[in-house]
Amino acid sequence: MSFDVGVTVPLVYDCGLHEGIERAAAAGADAVEFFDWEAVDIEAVRETADEHGVSISGVLGAGAGANIDSAERPAVSYPADREQAVADLERSITAAAELGASTLITTVGQRIDTHSAAAQQNAVVRVLREVAPTAEEHDVTVVLEPLNTRVDHPGYFVETSERGFTIVEAVDSSHVKLLYDVYHQQITEGNVTQTLTEHLDLVGHVHVADVPCRHEPGTGELDYAHVLGALDEAGYDGVVSGEFTPSGDPDTAVESFVALADDARE
């Protein structure tokens, strides 16, 4: 069994979610994901995905689970916000289950000067430990996403895959893993193929886009034929989701990504 190919609809398609799902399916995607589940009719979205034969691979957590760049709003890594973060993630897990989504993506907020890095890391671990039973009950995997701070998200707390893997290991749940975003980690640290294949037991979801322009794989410096082939050979059977802005026509971009993945999965 090999990985499925997904598409992050709101980035790839500049249209409504339902049309984006239809177009992604027509371009050959196996799965779709989107961000704001609170803004949609959950039943209608699930029906659209079912109608077009694609799964919903993930949604983004609400509230604290969606904080990337604010030190003022609640976040998973802010110790004082633990109760709010747990509540936000637990209601998001329930929504993900209603959608039939396999993963719930969570971000963690900014590095803040009032707490040590160790205190913030422990706060993330504590929140994820508390929501793990809910994730296990609903069979939804919560995936923690590291983001680069050099280009896109200055000040974000979990930048490296090493810190992310350390957190996942400390939580010690089969339903809490890492979202490894190849675009972000190429900018942050490189060595993406080895890092991915040596930590597959801790990886629950993969995002891809090329570097430096964040367009579809095959438009930049990364050898995605090698990366995807290595994932397949290593036995990764989750979703590899294209989280990119198309360099041209969106349907053509998705079709080229699907073709690249199909070659890797042969």
Protein backbone atom coordinates (compact mmCIF):
# COMPACT_ATOMS: atom_id res chain seq x y z
CA MET A 1 0.00 0.00 0.00
CA SER A 2 1.29 3.45 -0.91
CA PHE A 3 0.46 7.04 -0.07
CA ASP A 4 -2.56 8.99 -1.32
CA VAL A 5 -2.24 12.29 -3.17
CA GLY A 6 -4.09 15.21 -1.64
CA VAL A 7 -4.69 18.87 -2.44
CA THR A 8 -5.12 21.81 -0.07
CA VAL A 9 -8.14 23.27 -1.83
CA PRO A 10 -8.17 26.91 -0.60
CA LEU A 11 -4.59 27.51 -1.73
CA VAL A 12 -4.73 25.70 -5.05
CA TYR A 13 -8.16 26.79 -6.23
CA ASP A 14 -9.41 30.38 -6.10
CA CYS A 15 -13.05 29.37 -5.98
CA GLY A 16 -15.60 27.98 -3.56
CA LEU A 17 -14.78 24.88 -1.55
CA HIS A 18 -17.30 22.64 -3.29
CA GLU A 19 -16.08 23.60 -6.76
CA GLY A 20 -12.49 23.15 -5.58
CA ILE A 21 -13.24 19.63 -4.38
CA GLU A 22 -14.85 18.78 -7.72
CA ARG A 23 -11.90 20.16 -9.69
CA ALA A 24 -9.30 18.46 -7.50
CA ALA A 25 -11.04 15.13 -7.99
CA ALA A 26 -11.26 15.67 -11.75
CA ALA A 27 -7.51 16.42 -11.83
CA GLY A 28 -6.78 13.07 -10.18
CA ALA A 29 -6.44 13.82 -6.47
CA ASP A 30 -7.32 11.09 -3.98
CA ALA A 31 -8.00 13.47 -1.11
CA VAL A 32 -8.65 17.10 -0.24
CA GLU A 33 -8.06 19.23 2.83
CA PHE A 34 -9.09 22.73 3.84
CA PHE A 35 -8.63 25.10 6.75
CA ASP A 36 -11.71 26.67 8.34
CA TRP A 37 -14.22 23.97 9.20
CA GLU A 38 -16.28 26.45 11.22
CA ALA A 39 -17.17 28.35 8.05
CA VAL A 40 -18.72 25.41 6.18
CA ASP A 41 -21.73 23.13 6.25
CA ILE A 42 -20.01 19.95 7.40
CA GLU A 43 -22.62 17.56 6.04
CA ALA A 44 -22.68 19.29 2.64
CA VAL A 45 -18.89 19.22 2.33
CA ARG A 46 -18.76 15.56 3.19
CA GLU A 47 -21.48 14.82 0.63
CA THR A 48 -19.53 16.70 -2.05
CA ALA A 49 -16.36 14.75 -1.29
CA ASP A 50 -18.27 11.46 -1.37
CA GLU A 51 -19.98 12.40 -4.62
CA HIS A 52 -16.64 12.99 -6.33
CA GLY A 53 -14.84 10.01 -4.83
CA VAL A 54 -12.26 11.79 -2.71
CA SER A 55 -11.57 11.56 1.01
CA ILE A 56 -11.16 14.54 3.31
CA SER A 57 -7.62 14.17 4.59
CA GLY A 58 -7.51 17.04 7.05
CA VAL A 59 -8.75 20.32 8.47
CA LEU A 60 -7.13 22.96 10.63
CA GLY A 61 -7.86 23.28 14.32
CA ALA A 62 -10.02 26.17 15.46
CA GLY A 63 -9.06 28.95 17.85
CA ALA A 64 -5.79 28.20 19.60
CA GLY A 65 -5.18 25.37 17.14
CA ALA A 66 -4.97 27.84 14.26
CA ASN A 67 -2.72 30.46 15.87
CA ILE A 68 0.50 31.05 13.94
CA ASP A 69 1.47 34.68 14.39
CA SER A 70 -0.32 36.28 17.35
CA ALA A 71 1.01 36.65 20.87
CA GLU A 72 -2.31 38.17 21.90
CA ARG A 73 -4.70 35.34 21.01
CA PRO A 74 -4.74 31.90 22.71
CA ALA A 75 -2.23 29.35 21.42
CA VAL A 76 -1.25 25.78 22.17
CA SER A 77 2.25 26.80 23.33
CA TYR A 78 1.12 29.52 25.76
CA PRO A 79 0.96 27.93 29.24
CA ALA A 80 -1.84 30.22 30.43
CA ASP A 81 -4.07 29.13 27.56
CA ARG A 82 -4.05 25.38 28.26
CA GLU A 83 -7.77 25.03 29.01
CA GLN A 84 -8.80 27.08 25.97
CA ALA A 85 -6.38 25.20 23.72
CA VAL A 86 -7.69 21.83 24.88
CA ALA A 87 -11.30 22.93 24.35
CA ASP A 88 -10.54 24.30 20.87
CA LEU A 89 -8.74 21.16 19.77
CA GLU A 90 -11.34 18.79 21.22
CA ARG A 91 -14.22 20.49 19.40
CA SER A 92 -12.09 20.50 16.25
CA ILE A 93 -11.43 16.76 16.60
CA THR A 94 -15.17 16.16 16.83
CA ALA A 95 -15.76 18.24 13.70
CA ALA A 96 -12.99 16.41 11.84
CA ALA A 97 -14.64 13.10 12.72
CA GLU A 98 -18.00 14.39 11.45
CA LEU A 99 -16.30 15.31 8.17
CA GLY A 100 -14.65 11.90 7.97
CA ALA A 101 -11.25 13.61 8.06
CA SER A 102 -8.30 11.47 9.05
CA THR A 103 -6.20 14.29 10.51
CA LEU A 104 -6.56 17.52 12.43
CA ILE A 105 -3.75 20.00 11.85
CA THR A 106 -2.65 22.19 14.74
CA THR A 107 -0.28 25.12 14.88
CA VAL A 108 1.11 26.38 18.18
CA GLY A 109 1.67 30.15 18.15
CA GLN A 110 4.67 32.39 18.67
CA ARG A 111 7.84 32.22 20.74
CA ILE A 112 7.08 34.53 23.68
CA ASP A 113 9.66 36.25 25.88
CA THR A 114 7.73 35.75 29.12
CA HIS A 115 8.35 31.99 29.09
CA SER A 116 11.33 29.78 28.42
CA ALA A 117 11.41 27.55 25.37
CA ALA A 118 11.20 24.56 27.72
CA ALA A 119 8.05 25.93 29.34
CA GLN A 120 6.41 26.49 25.97
CA GLN A 121 7.42 23.05 24.74
CA ASN A 122 6.00 21.48 27.90
CA ALA A 123 2.78 23.44 27.35
CA VAL A 124 2.40 21.92 23.88
CA VAL A 125 3.06 18.44 25.23
CA ARG A 126 0.52 18.89 28.00
CA VAL A 127 -2.23 20.10 25.66
CA LEU A 128 -1.64 17.28 23.19
CA ARG A 129 -1.60 14.69 25.96
CA GLU A 130 -4.95 15.95 27.19
CA VAL A 131 -6.61 15.81 23.77
CA ALA A 132 -5.08 12.46 22.78
CA PRO A 133 -7.88 10.35 24.32
CA THR A 134 -10.49 12.31 22.34
CA ALA A 135 -8.44 11.86 19.17
CA GLU A 136 -8.15 8.13 19.84
CA GLU A 137 -11.89 7.84 20.55
CA HIS A 138 -12.77 9.47 17.21
CA ASP A 139 -9.89 7.89 15.27
CA VAL A 140 -8.56 11.30 14.20
CA THR A 141 -4.82 11.92 14.25
CA VAL A 142 -3.78 15.34 15.55
CA VAL A 143 -0.74 16.48 13.57
CA LEU A 144 1.54 19.22 14.87
CA GLU A 145 3.00 21.43 12.14
CA PRO A 146 6.46 23.04 12.32
CA LEU A 147 6.77 26.14 10.11
CA ASN A 148 9.76 28.06 8.81
CA THR A 149 10.61 31.38 10.44
CA ARG A 150 13.11 32.61 7.85
CA VAL A 151 10.63 33.42 5.09
CA ASP A 152 6.99 32.95 6.02
CA HIS A 153 6.36 32.92 9.77
CA PRO A 154 8.87 34.92 11.85
CA GLY A 155 8.73 34.07 15.54
CA TYR A 156 6.75 30.83 15.23
CA PHE A 157 7.59 28.53 18.13
CA VAL A 158 7.98 25.07 16.57
CA GLU A 159 10.37 25.66 13.67
CA THR A 160 12.44 22.49 13.43
CA SER A 161 11.38 18.93 12.85
CA GLU A 162 13.62 17.94 15.77
CA ARG A 163 11.52 19.93 18.25
CA GLY A 164 8.36 18.60 16.65
CA PHE A 165 9.49 14.98 16.89
CA THR A 166 10.56 15.52 20.51
CA ILE A 167 7.06 16.77 21.35
CA VAL A 168 5.35 13.88 19.57
CA GLU A 169 7.56 11.33 21.34
CA ALA A 170 6.81 12.94 24.70
CA VAL A 171 3.04 12.81 24.10
CA ASP A 172 3.36 9.10 23.23
CA SER A 173 0.01 8.56 21.50
CA SER A 174 -0.72 6.72 18.29
CA HIS A 175 -3.08 9.59 17.41
CA VAL A 176 -0.66 12.50 17.89
CA LYS A 177 2.00 12.85 15.21
CA LEU A 178 3.94 15.36 13.13
CA LEU A 179 2.86 17.10 9.97
CA TYR A 180 6.09 17.20 7.97
CA ASP A 181 5.92 20.05 5.47
CA VAL A 182 8.72 19.57 2.94
CA TYR A 183 8.58 23.21 1.83
CA HIS A 184 9.02 24.56 5.36
CA GLN A 185 11.69 22.06 6.35
CA GLN A 186 13.73 22.56 3.18
CA ILE A 187 13.95 26.24 4.13
CA THR A 188 14.60 25.51 7.80
CA GLU A 189 17.03 22.61 7.73
CA GLY A 190 17.21 20.68 4.44
CA ASN A 191 17.98 16.94 4.43
CA VAL A 192 14.28 16.31 3.99
CA THR A 193 14.38 12.81 2.49
CA GLN A 194 16.52 11.28 5.21
CA THR A 195 14.64 13.06 7.98
CA LEU A 196 11.29 11.89 6.64
CA THR A 197 12.21 8.28 5.99
CA GLU A 198 13.99 7.87 9.34
CA HIS A 199 11.00 9.19 11.32
CA LEU A 200 8.01 7.74 9.48
CA ASP A 201 6.64 6.25 12.68
CA LEU A 202 6.22 9.81 13.99
CA VAL A 203 4.82 11.35 10.79
CA GLY A 204 1.05 11.48 10.32
CA HIS A 205 0.75 13.77 7.31
CA VAL A 206 2.98 15.33 4.64
CA HIS A 207 2.67 18.68 2.87
CA VAL A 208 4.57 19.52 -0.30
CA ALA A 209 5.37 22.60 -2.35
CA ASP A 210 8.53 23.56 -4.16
CA VAL A 211 11.17 26.03 -3.00
CA PRO A 212 11.58 28.98 -3.31
CA CYS A 213 8.26 30.11 -4.83
CA ARG A 214 5.92 27.63 -3.13
CA HIS A 215 4.47 26.46 -6.42
CA GLU A 216 3.65 22.85 -7.37
CA PRO A 217 6.40 20.20 -7.11
CA GLY A 218 8.67 20.27 -10.12
CA THR A 219 8.89 24.06 -10.40
CA GLY A 220 11.78 24.71 -8.02
CA GLU A 221 14.96 23.34 -6.50
CA LEU A 222 13.65 20.16 -4.85
CA ASP A 223 13.95 16.76 -6.53
CA TYR A 224 10.41 15.65 -5.77
CA ALA A 225 10.72 12.49 -7.87
CA HIS A 226 13.38 11.42 -5.38
CA VAL A 227 11.50 12.59 -2.28
CA LEU A 228 8.21 10.93 -3.24
CA GLY A 229 9.95 7.79 -4.46
CA ALA A 230 11.78 7.49 -1.14
CA LEU A 231 8.51 7.91 0.76
CA ASP A 232 6.92 5.15 -1.28
CA GLU A 233 9.90 2.84 -0.88
CA ALA A 234 9.94 3.45 2.87
CA GLY A 235 6.30 2.36 3.08
CA TYR A 236 4.57 5.63 3.89
CA ASP A 237 0.83 5.03 3.49
CA GLY A 238 -0.63 8.35 4.62
CA VAL A 239 -1.46 11.41 2.53
CA VAL A 240 0.96 13.65 0.66
CA SER A 241 -0.99 16.86 0.19
CA GLY A 242 -0.07 19.59 -2.26
CA GLU A 243 -0.16 22.80 -0.24
CA PHE A 244 0.98 25.15 -2.99
CA THR A 245 -0.03 28.12 -5.09
CA PRO A 246 -0.11 27.09 -8.76
CA SER A 247 2.46 28.59 -11.10
CA GLY A 248 -0.24 28.75 -13.78
CA ASP A 249 -3.53 26.98 -14.37
CA PRO A 250 -4.60 25.21 -11.14
CA ASP A 251 -5.95 22.10 -12.85
CA THR A 252 -2.74 21.68 -14.83
CA ALA A 253 -0.69 22.13 -11.65
CA VAL A 254 -2.64 19.43 -9.82
CA GLU A 255 -2.47 17.09 -12.80
CA SER A 256 1.33 17.50 -12.96
CA PHE A 257 1.63 16.82 -9.22
CA VAL A 258 -0.55 13.72 -9.51
CA ALA A 259 1.51 12.46 -12.45
CA LEU A 260 4.75 12.99 -10.51
CA ALA A 261 3.31 11.05 -7.56
CA ASP A 262 2.01 8.29 -9.81
CA ASP A 263 5.50 7.81 -11.24
CA ALA A 264 6.90 7.61 -7.71
CA ARG A 265 4.28 5.03 -6.70
CA GLU A 266 4.91 2.66 -9.60
